[in-house]
């Protein structure tokens, strides 16, 4: 059985695995944090948003584009399912020959 080397932060006692005291009245403020959680600012870095086939912006653009021309039943079903059940409910519809071209056209317009 492997036992880690004993150091002050990993000694057993009344502390839990996260360094908090098991006693109701006592708390531990000496929980060491890794450098990955210590940052110089309190804001998240900015990343460009990914616009995939099922991203909200792509689907909204597809909906706007399809208003201008006759919308197929498959596209109507896709949009209704997306709105009521979310993007993962639409995965099987990505292979539909009416839905996929509409989505890819909308996605190209965003790029």
N, C-alpha and C. Protein backbone atom coordinates (compact mmCIF):
# COMPACT_ATOMS: atom_id res chain seq x y z
N UNK A 1 0.84 -1.17 0.00
CA UNK A 1 0.00 0.00 0.00
C UNK A 1 0.88 1.24 0.00
N UNK A 2 0.53 2.22 -0.82
CA UNK A 2 1.29 3.45 -0.93
C UNK A 2 0.79 4.47 0.07
N UNK A 3 1.69 5.03 0.84
CA UNK A 3 1.37 6.10 1.77
C UNK A 3 2.19 7.31 1.40
N UNK A 4 1.55 8.46 1.19
CA UNK A 4 2.32 9.66 0.84
C UNK A 4 3.20 10.09 1.99
N UNK A 5 4.29 10.78 1.65
CA UNK A 5 5.18 11.30 2.67
C UNK A 5 4.42 12.26 3.56
N UNK A 6 4.76 12.23 4.82
CA UNK A 6 4.08 13.09 5.78
C UNK A 6 4.61 14.51 5.67
N UNK A 7 3.69 15.47 5.49
CA UNK A 7 4.07 16.87 5.55
C UNK A 7 2.95 17.60 6.28
N UNK A 8 3.17 18.82 6.72
CA UNK A 8 2.16 19.50 7.53
C UNK A 8 0.80 19.64 6.85
N UNK A 9 0.74 19.71 5.54
CA UNK A 9 -0.54 19.87 4.86
C UNK A 9 -1.30 18.58 4.67
N UNK A 10 -0.64 17.42 4.87
CA UNK A 10 -1.34 16.17 4.61
C UNK A 10 -1.45 15.28 5.84
N UNK A 11 -1.29 15.82 7.02
CA UNK A 11 -1.42 15.02 8.23
C UNK A 11 -2.87 14.74 8.52
N UNK A 12 -3.13 13.53 8.98
CA UNK A 12 -4.50 13.21 9.35
C UNK A 12 -4.81 13.81 10.71
N UNK A 13 -6.03 13.92 11.00
CA UNK A 13 -6.47 14.54 12.24
C UNK A 13 -7.91 14.92 12.08
N UNK A 14 -8.25 16.11 12.52
CA UNK A 14 -9.65 16.50 12.44
C UNK A 14 -9.97 17.27 11.16
N UNK A 15 -9.05 17.29 10.21
CA UNK A 15 -9.29 17.99 8.96
C UNK A 15 -9.77 17.01 7.90
N UNK A 16 -10.60 17.48 6.99
CA UNK A 16 -11.05 16.66 5.88
C UNK A 16 -10.00 16.69 4.78
N UNK A 17 -10.30 16.05 3.66
CA UNK A 17 -9.36 15.99 2.55
C UNK A 17 -9.08 17.36 1.96
N UNK A 18 -9.99 18.31 2.14
CA UNK A 18 -9.81 19.64 1.58
C UNK A 18 -9.24 20.62 2.59
N UNK A 19 -8.87 20.16 3.75
CA UNK A 19 -8.24 21.02 4.74
C UNK A 19 -9.22 21.73 5.64
N UNK A 20 -10.49 21.40 5.57
CA UNK A 20 -11.47 22.02 6.44
C UNK A 20 -11.64 21.17 7.68
N UNK A 21 -11.89 21.81 8.78
CA UNK A 21 -12.05 21.12 10.04
C UNK A 21 -13.37 20.38 10.08
N UNK A 22 -13.36 19.18 10.67
CA UNK A 22 -14.59 18.41 10.82
C UNK A 22 -15.41 18.89 12.01
N UNK A 23 -14.82 19.72 12.86
CA UNK A 23 -15.53 20.22 14.02
C UNK A 23 -16.47 21.34 13.59
N UNK A 24 -17.72 21.35 14.11
CA UNK A 24 -18.68 22.37 13.67
C UNK A 24 -18.25 23.80 13.96
N UNK A 25 -17.60 24.06 15.04
CA UNK A 25 -17.26 25.42 15.42
C UNK A 25 -15.93 25.92 14.88
N UNK A 26 -15.12 25.05 14.33
CA UNK A 26 -13.78 25.43 13.90
C UNK A 26 -13.68 25.41 12.38
N UNK A 27 -12.97 26.37 11.84
CA UNK A 27 -12.68 26.39 10.41
C UNK A 27 -11.19 26.59 10.22
N UNK A 28 -10.70 26.11 9.12
CA UNK A 28 -9.28 26.25 8.82
C UNK A 28 -9.11 27.29 7.71
N UNK A 29 -8.25 28.25 7.94
CA UNK A 29 -8.00 29.25 6.92
C UNK A 29 -6.65 29.04 6.25
N UNK A 30 -5.97 27.97 6.59
CA UNK A 30 -4.65 27.74 6.02
C UNK A 30 -4.69 26.68 4.92
N UNK A 31 -5.71 26.73 4.07
CA UNK A 31 -5.80 25.79 2.97
C UNK A 31 -4.88 26.27 1.86
N UNK A 32 -3.85 25.50 1.53
CA UNK A 32 -2.94 25.93 0.46
C UNK A 32 -3.62 25.81 -0.89
N UNK A 33 -3.47 26.82 -1.73
CA UNK A 33 -4.02 26.81 -3.07
C UNK A 33 -2.90 26.62 -4.08
N UNK A 34 -3.20 25.88 -5.12
CA UNK A 34 -2.19 25.69 -6.16
C UNK A 34 -2.03 26.99 -6.94
N UNK A 35 -0.93 27.13 -7.62
CA UNK A 35 -0.68 28.33 -8.40
C UNK A 35 -1.69 28.50 -9.54
N UNK A 36 -2.32 27.42 -9.97
CA UNK A 36 -3.26 27.52 -11.08
C UNK A 36 -4.52 28.29 -10.70
N UNK A 37 -4.84 28.37 -9.43
CA UNK A 37 -6.03 29.12 -9.03
C UNK A 37 -5.70 30.52 -8.54
N UNK A 38 -4.43 30.84 -8.46
CA UNK A 38 -4.02 32.16 -8.01
C UNK A 38 -3.72 33.02 -9.23
N UNK A 39 -4.51 34.05 -9.45
CA UNK A 39 -4.32 34.92 -10.60
C UNK A 39 -4.17 36.36 -10.14
N UNK A 40 -3.60 37.17 -10.99
CA UNK A 40 -3.38 38.57 -10.66
C UNK A 40 -4.60 39.45 -10.83
N UNK A 41 -5.63 38.97 -11.49
CA UNK A 41 -6.83 39.78 -11.69
C UNK A 41 -8.06 38.95 -11.37
N UNK A 42 -9.18 39.63 -11.25
CA UNK A 42 -10.41 38.92 -10.93
C UNK A 42 -11.33 38.76 -12.13
N UNK A 43 -10.80 38.97 -13.33
CA UNK A 43 -11.60 38.80 -14.54
C UNK A 43 -11.06 37.65 -15.36
N UNK A 44 -11.95 37.03 -16.12
CA UNK A 44 -11.55 35.93 -16.97
C UNK A 44 -10.90 36.47 -18.24
N UNK A 45 -9.95 35.73 -18.78
CA UNK A 45 -9.35 36.18 -20.04
C UNK A 45 -10.39 36.11 -21.15
N UNK A 46 -10.22 36.95 -22.15
CA UNK A 46 -11.19 36.94 -23.24
C UNK A 46 -10.75 35.98 -24.34
N UNK A 47 -11.66 35.15 -24.76
CA UNK A 47 -11.43 34.21 -25.84
C UNK A 47 -12.49 34.46 -26.90
N UNK A 48 -12.14 34.26 -28.14
CA UNK A 48 -13.16 34.39 -29.16
C UNK A 48 -14.15 33.24 -29.02
N UNK A 49 -15.40 33.53 -29.21
CA UNK A 49 -16.45 32.54 -29.04
C UNK A 49 -16.47 31.59 -30.21
N UNK A 50 -16.61 30.32 -29.91
CA UNK A 50 -16.71 29.33 -30.97
C UNK A 50 -18.13 29.32 -31.52
N UNK A 51 -18.25 29.31 -32.82
CA UNK A 51 -19.56 29.27 -33.45
C UNK A 51 -19.68 27.96 -34.22
N UNK A 52 -20.11 26.93 -33.53
CA UNK A 52 -20.29 25.63 -34.16
C UNK A 52 -21.68 25.52 -34.76
N UNK A 53 -21.96 24.35 -35.30
CA UNK A 53 -23.26 24.13 -35.94
C UNK A 53 -24.43 24.33 -34.98
N UNK A 54 -24.26 23.97 -33.72
CA UNK A 54 -25.37 24.06 -32.77
C UNK A 54 -25.24 25.23 -31.80
N UNK A 55 -24.38 26.18 -32.09
CA UNK A 55 -24.27 27.33 -31.21
C UNK A 55 -25.52 28.20 -31.36
N UNK A 56 -25.93 28.88 -30.31
CA UNK A 56 -27.14 29.70 -30.37
C UNK A 56 -27.10 30.73 -31.50
N UNK A 57 -25.95 31.35 -31.71
CA UNK A 57 -25.88 32.37 -32.76
C UNK A 57 -26.09 31.77 -34.15
N UNK A 58 -25.55 30.59 -34.38
CA UNK A 58 -25.72 29.93 -35.67
C UNK A 58 -27.19 29.58 -35.91
N UNK A 59 -27.83 29.04 -34.88
CA UNK A 59 -29.23 28.64 -35.02
C UNK A 59 -30.13 29.87 -35.18
N UNK A 60 -29.85 30.95 -34.46
CA UNK A 60 -30.64 32.18 -34.62
C UNK A 60 -30.48 32.74 -36.04
N UNK A 61 -29.25 32.69 -36.56
CA UNK A 61 -29.03 33.18 -37.91
C UNK A 61 -29.74 32.30 -38.92
N UNK A 62 -29.71 30.99 -38.70
CA UNK A 62 -30.42 30.06 -39.59
C UNK A 62 -31.92 30.37 -39.58
N UNK A 63 -32.44 30.65 -38.40
CA UNK A 63 -33.87 30.98 -38.29
C UNK A 63 -34.19 32.26 -39.05
N UNK A 64 -33.35 33.29 -38.89
CA UNK A 64 -33.57 34.55 -39.60
C UNK A 64 -33.49 34.36 -41.12
N UNK A 65 -32.50 33.59 -41.57
CA UNK A 65 -32.34 33.35 -43.00
C UNK A 65 -33.52 32.57 -43.58
N UNK A 66 -34.01 31.63 -42.82
CA UNK A 66 -35.08 30.78 -43.36
C UNK A 66 -36.44 31.47 -43.34
N UNK A 67 -36.57 32.58 -42.64
CA UNK A 67 -37.81 33.36 -42.67
C UNK A 67 -37.98 33.98 -44.06
N UNK A 68 -36.88 34.33 -44.68
CA UNK A 68 -36.92 34.99 -45.98
C UNK A 68 -37.35 34.05 -47.11
N UNK A 69 -37.19 32.77 -46.92
CA UNK A 69 -37.61 31.79 -47.94
C UNK A 69 -38.46 30.72 -47.25
N UNK A 70 -39.06 29.89 -48.05
CA UNK A 70 -39.92 28.84 -47.48
C UNK A 70 -39.09 27.89 -46.62
N UNK A 71 -39.54 27.69 -45.41
CA UNK A 71 -38.85 26.81 -44.46
C UNK A 71 -39.42 25.40 -44.57
N UNK A 72 -38.55 24.41 -44.69
CA UNK A 72 -39.02 23.02 -44.80
C UNK A 72 -39.54 22.53 -43.45
N UNK A 73 -40.29 21.45 -43.48
CA UNK A 73 -40.81 20.86 -42.24
C UNK A 73 -39.68 20.40 -41.34
N UNK A 74 -38.60 19.88 -41.94
CA UNK A 74 -37.45 19.42 -41.15
C UNK A 74 -36.79 20.58 -40.41
N UNK A 75 -36.66 21.72 -41.07
CA UNK A 75 -36.06 22.89 -40.43
C UNK A 75 -36.98 23.42 -39.33
N UNK A 76 -38.28 23.44 -39.59
CA UNK A 76 -39.23 23.83 -38.53
C UNK A 76 -39.13 22.93 -37.32
N UNK A 77 -39.06 21.62 -37.55
CA UNK A 77 -38.94 20.67 -36.45
C UNK A 77 -37.63 20.87 -35.69
N UNK A 78 -36.55 21.09 -36.44
CA UNK A 78 -35.25 21.34 -35.82
C UNK A 78 -35.31 22.57 -34.91
N UNK A 79 -35.86 23.67 -35.43
CA UNK A 79 -35.93 24.91 -34.64
C UNK A 79 -36.82 24.75 -33.41
N UNK A 80 -37.95 24.08 -33.57
CA UNK A 80 -38.83 23.85 -32.42
C UNK A 80 -38.16 22.98 -31.36
N UNK A 81 -37.46 21.94 -31.81
CA UNK A 81 -36.75 21.06 -30.87
C UNK A 81 -35.62 21.80 -30.18
N UNK A 82 -34.88 22.60 -30.91
CA UNK A 82 -33.77 23.37 -30.34
C UNK A 82 -34.29 24.31 -29.25
N UNK A 83 -35.39 24.99 -29.53
CA UNK A 83 -35.94 25.95 -28.55
C UNK A 83 -36.51 25.26 -27.32
N UNK A 84 -37.13 24.12 -27.52
CA UNK A 84 -37.79 23.49 -26.37
C UNK A 84 -36.92 22.49 -25.61
N UNK A 85 -35.95 21.87 -26.28
CA UNK A 85 -35.15 20.82 -25.62
C UNK A 85 -33.65 21.07 -25.64
N UNK A 86 -33.19 22.10 -26.35
CA UNK A 86 -31.77 22.42 -26.36
C UNK A 86 -31.01 21.77 -27.50
N UNK A 87 -29.74 22.15 -27.63
CA UNK A 87 -28.93 21.71 -28.77
C UNK A 87 -28.65 20.21 -28.81
N UNK A 88 -28.49 19.59 -27.66
CA UNK A 88 -28.15 18.16 -27.69
C UNK A 88 -29.29 17.31 -28.21
N UNK A 89 -30.52 17.79 -28.09
CA UNK A 89 -31.66 17.06 -28.63
C UNK A 89 -31.68 17.08 -30.15
N UNK A 90 -30.87 17.95 -30.75
CA UNK A 90 -30.85 18.12 -32.20
C UNK A 90 -29.71 17.38 -32.89
N UNK A 91 -28.90 16.67 -32.15
CA UNK A 91 -27.73 16.00 -32.75
C UNK A 91 -28.11 15.07 -33.88
N UNK A 92 -29.15 14.30 -33.71
CA UNK A 92 -29.55 13.33 -34.75
C UNK A 92 -30.01 14.04 -36.01
N UNK A 93 -30.46 15.27 -35.90
CA UNK A 93 -30.97 16.01 -37.06
C UNK A 93 -29.86 16.62 -37.91
N UNK A 94 -28.62 16.56 -37.45
CA UNK A 94 -27.52 17.13 -38.22
C UNK A 94 -27.29 16.40 -39.54
N UNK A 95 -27.75 15.17 -39.62
CA UNK A 95 -27.58 14.42 -40.87
C UNK A 95 -28.74 14.64 -41.84
N UNK A 96 -29.74 15.41 -41.46
CA UNK A 96 -30.88 15.67 -42.33
C UNK A 96 -30.44 16.52 -43.53
N UNK A 97 -30.81 16.12 -44.75
CA UNK A 97 -30.37 16.86 -45.93
C UNK A 97 -30.99 18.25 -46.07
N UNK A 98 -32.03 18.55 -45.31
CA UNK A 98 -32.61 19.90 -45.33
C UNK A 98 -32.01 20.79 -44.25
N UNK A 99 -31.65 20.20 -43.12
CA UNK A 99 -31.17 20.97 -41.97
C UNK A 99 -29.70 21.33 -42.10
N UNK A 100 -28.87 20.37 -42.44
CA UNK A 100 -27.43 20.60 -42.47
C UNK A 100 -27.00 21.72 -43.41
N UNK A 101 -27.50 21.81 -44.63
CA UNK A 101 -27.10 22.94 -45.49
C UNK A 101 -27.50 24.30 -44.92
N UNK A 102 -28.66 24.36 -44.27
CA UNK A 102 -29.10 25.62 -43.66
C UNK A 102 -28.16 26.03 -42.53
N UNK A 103 -27.77 25.06 -41.71
CA UNK A 103 -26.86 25.36 -40.59
C UNK A 103 -25.48 25.76 -41.09
N UNK A 104 -24.95 25.05 -42.07
CA UNK A 104 -23.61 25.39 -42.55
C UNK A 104 -23.59 26.76 -43.23
N UNK A 105 -24.67 27.09 -43.94
CA UNK A 105 -24.74 28.42 -44.54
C UNK A 105 -24.74 29.51 -43.46
N UNK A 106 -25.52 29.30 -42.41
CA UNK A 106 -25.57 30.27 -41.31
C UNK A 106 -24.22 30.38 -40.62
N UNK A 107 -23.55 29.26 -40.44
CA UNK A 107 -22.25 29.27 -39.77
C UNK A 107 -21.21 30.00 -40.62
N UNK A 108 -21.26 29.84 -41.93
CA UNK A 108 -20.31 30.55 -42.80
C UNK A 108 -20.51 32.05 -42.76
N UNK A 109 -21.74 32.50 -42.58
CA UNK A 109 -22.02 33.93 -42.52
C UNK A 109 -21.43 34.56 -41.27
N UNK A 110 -21.32 33.80 -40.20
CA UNK A 110 -20.78 34.32 -38.95
C UNK A 110 -19.28 34.51 -39.04
N UNK A 111 -18.59 33.61 -39.71
CA UNK A 111 -17.12 33.65 -39.77
C UNK A 111 -16.59 34.82 -40.49
